[in-house]
């Protein structure tokens, strides 16, 4: 199944984000050690397009629980940067084949 993951970050945590960015990217690249396959993802920002306030990902995972575990085990979440996580099921007809995945 495919899932949209939306993680909202604390406003006061720019330094924390920077400290854990490399570990976050490794987490994405490995799908959290196989919990999920990341098809696409990026930072979320304020309306200025620059100030980060979260991140999103389109995940392929066998269950909501696996997608949630991927999000909860992200170094950003473990460091306390993430304020909230939302996992939303995508339609069964979602055209994942149109995306060049970030996770092999």
N, C-alpha and C. Protein backbone atom coordinates (compact mmCIF):
# COMPACT_ATOMS: atom_id res chain seq x y z
N UNK A 1 0.83 -1.18 0.00
CA UNK A 1 0.00 0.00 0.00
C UNK A 1 0.88 1.25 0.00
N UNK A 2 0.25 2.34 -0.38
CA UNK A 2 0.94 3.61 -0.43
C UNK A 2 0.36 4.56 0.61
N UNK A 3 1.26 5.33 1.22
CA UNK A 3 0.89 6.21 2.34
C UNK A 3 1.53 7.57 2.17
N UNK A 4 0.80 8.60 2.53
CA UNK A 4 1.35 9.94 2.60
C UNK A 4 1.70 10.18 4.06
N UNK A 5 2.95 10.51 4.33
CA UNK A 5 3.43 10.80 5.68
C UNK A 5 3.68 12.30 5.75
N UNK A 6 3.09 12.94 6.75
CA UNK A 6 3.32 14.36 6.98
C UNK A 6 3.83 14.52 8.40
N UNK A 7 5.03 15.07 8.52
CA UNK A 7 5.63 15.30 9.82
C UNK A 7 5.77 16.82 10.01
N UNK A 8 5.18 17.33 11.06
CA UNK A 8 5.31 18.76 11.39
C UNK A 8 6.40 18.91 12.44
N UNK A 9 7.25 19.91 12.25
CA UNK A 9 8.39 20.13 13.13
C UNK A 9 8.14 21.28 14.09
N UNK A 10 8.84 21.25 15.20
CA UNK A 10 8.82 22.36 16.16
C UNK A 10 9.40 23.61 15.49
N UNK A 11 8.88 24.76 15.85
CA UNK A 11 9.35 26.02 15.26
C UNK A 11 10.72 26.43 15.75
N UNK A 12 11.11 25.99 16.93
CA UNK A 12 12.33 26.48 17.57
C UNK A 12 13.51 25.52 17.42
N UNK A 13 13.55 24.76 16.34
CA UNK A 13 14.50 23.65 16.30
C UNK A 13 15.40 23.63 15.07
N UNK A 14 15.76 24.78 14.54
CA UNK A 14 16.61 24.81 13.34
C UNK A 14 17.95 24.12 13.59
N UNK A 15 18.55 24.35 14.76
CA UNK A 15 19.84 23.73 15.07
C UNK A 15 19.70 22.22 15.18
N UNK A 16 18.62 21.76 15.80
CA UNK A 16 18.37 20.33 15.95
C UNK A 16 18.20 19.67 14.58
N UNK A 17 17.48 20.33 13.70
CA UNK A 17 17.28 19.83 12.33
C UNK A 17 18.63 19.66 11.64
N UNK A 18 19.47 20.66 11.74
CA UNK A 18 20.77 20.63 11.09
C UNK A 18 21.65 19.50 11.66
N UNK A 19 21.62 19.32 12.97
CA UNK A 19 22.43 18.29 13.63
C UNK A 19 22.07 16.88 13.16
N UNK A 20 20.80 16.65 12.81
CA UNK A 20 20.33 15.30 12.50
C UNK A 20 20.00 15.08 11.03
N UNK A 21 20.30 16.09 10.19
CA UNK A 21 19.96 16.00 8.76
C UNK A 21 20.62 14.80 8.08
N UNK A 22 21.90 14.57 8.29
CA UNK A 22 22.58 13.45 7.63
C UNK A 22 21.99 12.11 8.05
N UNK A 23 21.72 11.96 9.33
CA UNK A 23 21.11 10.71 9.82
C UNK A 23 19.70 10.54 9.26
N UNK A 24 18.97 11.64 9.15
CA UNK A 24 17.62 11.60 8.55
C UNK A 24 17.72 11.11 7.10
N UNK A 25 18.67 11.64 6.36
CA UNK A 25 18.83 11.24 4.95
C UNK A 25 19.22 9.77 4.82
N UNK A 26 20.05 9.28 5.74
CA UNK A 26 20.39 7.84 5.72
C UNK A 26 19.15 7.00 6.01
N UNK A 27 18.34 7.45 6.94
CA UNK A 27 17.10 6.76 7.28
C UNK A 27 16.20 6.65 6.04
N UNK A 28 16.07 7.74 5.32
CA UNK A 28 15.26 7.75 4.10
C UNK A 28 15.86 6.80 3.05
N UNK A 29 17.15 6.88 2.87
CA UNK A 29 17.82 6.07 1.85
C UNK A 29 17.68 4.57 2.09
N UNK A 30 17.56 4.17 3.36
CA UNK A 30 17.43 2.74 3.67
C UNK A 30 15.98 2.34 3.94
N UNK A 31 15.07 3.29 3.80
CA UNK A 31 13.68 2.97 4.12
C UNK A 31 13.51 2.61 5.58
N UNK A 32 14.33 3.24 6.42
CA UNK A 32 14.24 2.93 7.85
C UNK A 32 14.63 1.50 8.15
N UNK A 33 15.64 1.02 7.40
CA UNK A 33 16.07 -0.36 7.60
C UNK A 33 15.09 -1.36 7.03
N UNK A 34 14.33 -0.94 6.03
CA UNK A 34 13.40 -1.85 5.36
C UNK A 34 11.95 -1.73 5.81
N UNK A 35 11.63 -0.78 6.67
CA UNK A 35 10.24 -0.60 7.11
C UNK A 35 9.34 -0.12 5.97
N UNK A 36 9.90 0.72 5.10
CA UNK A 36 9.12 1.31 4.02
C UNK A 36 10.05 1.64 2.85
N UNK A 37 9.46 1.83 1.73
CA UNK A 37 10.18 2.32 0.55
C UNK A 37 9.72 3.75 0.34
N UNK A 38 10.66 4.67 0.29
CA UNK A 38 10.33 6.08 0.12
C UNK A 38 10.32 6.39 -1.37
N UNK A 39 9.14 6.72 -1.89
CA UNK A 39 9.04 7.04 -3.30
C UNK A 39 9.47 8.47 -3.57
N UNK A 40 9.02 9.38 -2.75
CA UNK A 40 9.39 10.79 -2.90
C UNK A 40 9.17 11.47 -1.56
N UNK A 41 9.93 12.50 -1.32
CA UNK A 41 9.76 13.26 -0.08
C UNK A 41 10.56 14.52 -0.14
N UNK A 42 10.25 15.43 0.76
CA UNK A 42 10.96 16.70 0.79
C UNK A 42 10.59 17.45 2.05
N UNK A 43 11.24 18.59 2.23
CA UNK A 43 10.91 19.48 3.34
C UNK A 43 9.59 20.18 3.05
N UNK A 44 8.87 20.51 4.11
CA UNK A 44 7.73 21.42 4.03
C UNK A 44 8.21 22.75 4.57
N UNK A 45 7.66 23.85 4.03
CA UNK A 45 8.12 25.17 4.44
C UNK A 45 6.94 26.11 4.72
N UNK A 46 7.29 27.22 5.32
CA UNK A 46 6.33 28.31 5.44
C UNK A 46 6.07 28.85 4.04
N UNK A 47 5.17 29.81 3.92
CA UNK A 47 4.80 30.36 2.61
C UNK A 47 5.96 31.04 1.89
N UNK A 48 7.04 31.33 2.61
CA UNK A 48 8.20 31.96 1.96
C UNK A 48 9.01 30.96 1.13
N UNK A 49 8.68 29.68 1.23
CA UNK A 49 9.38 28.65 0.47
C UNK A 49 10.78 28.35 0.99
N UNK A 50 11.14 28.93 2.12
CA UNK A 50 12.49 28.77 2.66
C UNK A 50 12.51 28.24 4.09
N UNK A 51 11.63 28.72 4.92
CA UNK A 51 11.64 28.39 6.35
C UNK A 51 11.03 27.01 6.58
N UNK A 52 11.85 26.00 6.93
CA UNK A 52 11.32 24.65 7.09
C UNK A 52 10.39 24.54 8.30
N UNK A 53 9.32 23.77 8.12
CA UNK A 53 8.40 23.50 9.22
C UNK A 53 7.93 22.06 9.26
N UNK A 54 8.59 21.20 8.47
CA UNK A 54 8.22 19.80 8.48
C UNK A 54 8.81 19.06 7.30
N UNK A 55 8.33 17.85 7.09
CA UNK A 55 8.72 17.06 5.93
C UNK A 55 7.57 16.12 5.57
N UNK A 56 7.60 15.68 4.32
CA UNK A 56 6.58 14.73 3.86
C UNK A 56 7.26 13.62 3.08
N UNK A 57 6.55 12.53 2.93
CA UNK A 57 7.02 11.45 2.09
C UNK A 57 5.86 10.64 1.58
N UNK A 58 6.01 10.10 0.40
CA UNK A 58 5.09 9.10 -0.12
C UNK A 58 5.81 7.77 0.07
N UNK A 59 5.21 6.92 0.88
CA UNK A 59 5.82 5.66 1.28
C UNK A 59 5.08 4.48 0.68
N UNK A 60 5.82 3.43 0.39
CA UNK A 60 5.24 2.13 0.09
C UNK A 60 5.55 1.27 1.30
N UNK A 61 4.53 0.82 1.98
CA UNK A 61 4.71 0.01 3.20
C UNK A 61 3.55 -0.98 3.29
N UNK A 62 3.80 -2.13 3.91
CA UNK A 62 2.77 -3.16 3.97
C UNK A 62 1.57 -2.81 4.85
N UNK A 63 1.74 -1.83 5.74
CA UNK A 63 0.65 -1.49 6.66
C UNK A 63 0.84 -0.08 7.20
N UNK A 64 -0.23 0.45 7.77
CA UNK A 64 -0.16 1.75 8.43
C UNK A 64 0.86 1.70 9.57
N UNK A 65 0.91 0.58 10.27
CA UNK A 65 1.84 0.43 11.39
C UNK A 65 3.29 0.52 10.93
N UNK A 66 3.60 -0.07 9.79
CA UNK A 66 4.96 0.01 9.26
C UNK A 66 5.30 1.43 8.84
N UNK A 67 4.36 2.12 8.20
CA UNK A 67 4.59 3.52 7.82
C UNK A 67 4.78 4.40 9.06
N UNK A 68 3.98 4.15 10.08
CA UNK A 68 4.09 4.91 11.33
C UNK A 68 5.44 4.63 12.00
N UNK A 69 5.85 3.37 12.00
CA UNK A 69 7.15 3.01 12.60
C UNK A 69 8.29 3.68 11.84
N UNK A 70 8.19 3.74 10.52
CA UNK A 70 9.20 4.44 9.73
C UNK A 70 9.31 5.89 10.20
N UNK A 71 8.18 6.56 10.32
CA UNK A 71 8.16 7.97 10.74
C UNK A 71 8.68 8.14 12.17
N UNK A 72 8.25 7.29 13.06
CA UNK A 72 8.63 7.42 14.48
C UNK A 72 10.11 7.11 14.72
N UNK A 73 10.71 6.31 13.84
CA UNK A 73 12.12 5.95 14.00
C UNK A 73 13.07 6.84 13.20
N UNK A 74 12.52 7.83 12.53
CA UNK A 74 13.35 8.80 11.82
C UNK A 74 14.18 9.56 12.87
N UNK A 75 15.45 9.79 12.60
CA UNK A 75 16.28 10.55 13.55
C UNK A 75 15.69 11.91 13.93
N UNK A 76 14.98 12.55 13.03
CA UNK A 76 14.32 13.81 13.38
C UNK A 76 13.31 13.59 14.51
N UNK A 77 12.52 12.53 14.40
CA UNK A 77 11.52 12.24 15.43
C UNK A 77 12.20 11.82 16.73
N UNK A 78 13.20 10.97 16.64
CA UNK A 78 13.89 10.50 17.84
C UNK A 78 14.60 11.63 18.58
N UNK A 79 15.00 12.67 17.85
CA UNK A 79 15.69 13.81 18.47
C UNK A 79 14.71 14.82 19.08
N UNK A 80 13.41 14.62 18.86
CA UNK A 80 12.42 15.53 19.42
C UNK A 80 12.06 16.70 18.51
N UNK A 81 12.50 16.65 17.27
CA UNK A 81 12.20 17.72 16.32
C UNK A 81 10.75 17.65 15.84
N UNK A 82 10.22 16.44 15.69
CA UNK A 82 8.89 16.25 15.13
C UNK A 82 7.82 16.47 16.20
N UNK A 83 6.88 17.34 15.87
CA UNK A 83 5.79 17.68 16.78
C UNK A 83 4.59 16.77 16.55
N UNK A 84 4.34 16.41 15.28
CA UNK A 84 3.21 15.53 14.97
C UNK A 84 3.49 14.74 13.70
N UNK A 85 2.88 13.57 13.63
CA UNK A 85 3.01 12.68 12.47
C UNK A 85 1.61 12.32 12.02
N UNK A 86 1.37 12.45 10.73
CA UNK A 86 0.09 12.04 10.15
C UNK A 86 0.38 11.05 9.03
N UNK A 87 -0.30 9.92 9.06
CA UNK A 87 -0.17 8.90 8.02
C UNK A 87 -1.53 8.78 7.35
N UNK A 88 -1.55 8.99 6.03
CA UNK A 88 -2.81 8.99 5.28
C UNK A 88 -2.70 7.95 4.17
N UNK A 89 -3.69 7.07 4.06
CA UNK A 89 -3.71 6.07 3.00
C UNK A 89 -3.97 6.74 1.66
N UNK A 90 -3.24 6.32 0.64
CA UNK A 90 -3.47 6.80 -0.72
C UNK A 90 -4.31 5.78 -1.48
N UNK A 91 -5.00 6.25 -2.48
CA UNK A 91 -5.91 5.39 -3.25
C UNK A 91 -5.18 4.19 -3.84
N UNK A 92 -5.89 3.08 -3.95
CA UNK A 92 -5.29 1.87 -4.51
C UNK A 92 -4.86 2.08 -5.96
N UNK A 93 -5.41 3.07 -6.62
CA UNK A 93 -5.04 3.37 -8.01
C UNK A 93 -3.92 4.40 -8.11
N UNK A 94 -3.28 4.72 -6.99
CA UNK A 94 -2.17 5.67 -6.97
C UNK A 94 -1.11 5.22 -7.98
N UNK A 95 -0.63 6.12 -8.81
CA UNK A 95 0.27 5.77 -9.91
C UNK A 95 1.74 5.87 -9.49
N UNK A 96 2.14 5.00 -8.62
CA UNK A 96 3.51 5.00 -8.09
C UNK A 96 4.54 4.78 -9.20
N UNK A 97 4.18 4.11 -10.25
CA UNK A 97 5.12 3.83 -11.33
C UNK A 97 5.62 5.10 -12.03
N UNK A 98 4.97 6.23 -11.76
CA UNK A 98 5.36 7.50 -12.37
C UNK A 98 6.44 8.22 -11.58
N UNK A 99 6.85 7.65 -10.44
CA UNK A 99 7.82 8.27 -9.56
C UNK A 99 9.13 7.49 -9.59
N UNK A 100 10.24 8.19 -9.63
CA UNK A 100 11.56 7.57 -9.53
C UNK A 100 11.90 7.48 -8.03
N UNK A 101 11.80 6.30 -7.41
CA UNK A 101 11.92 6.17 -5.95
C UNK A 101 13.26 6.64 -5.38
N UNK A 102 13.19 7.18 -4.16
CA UNK A 102 14.38 7.61 -3.42
C UNK A 102 15.05 6.43 -2.72
N UNK A 103 14.26 5.40 -2.40
CA UNK A 103 14.76 4.19 -1.76
C UNK A 103 14.70 3.07 -2.79
N UNK A 104 15.82 2.36 -3.01
CA UNK A 104 15.81 1.27 -4.00
C UNK A 104 14.84 0.16 -3.64
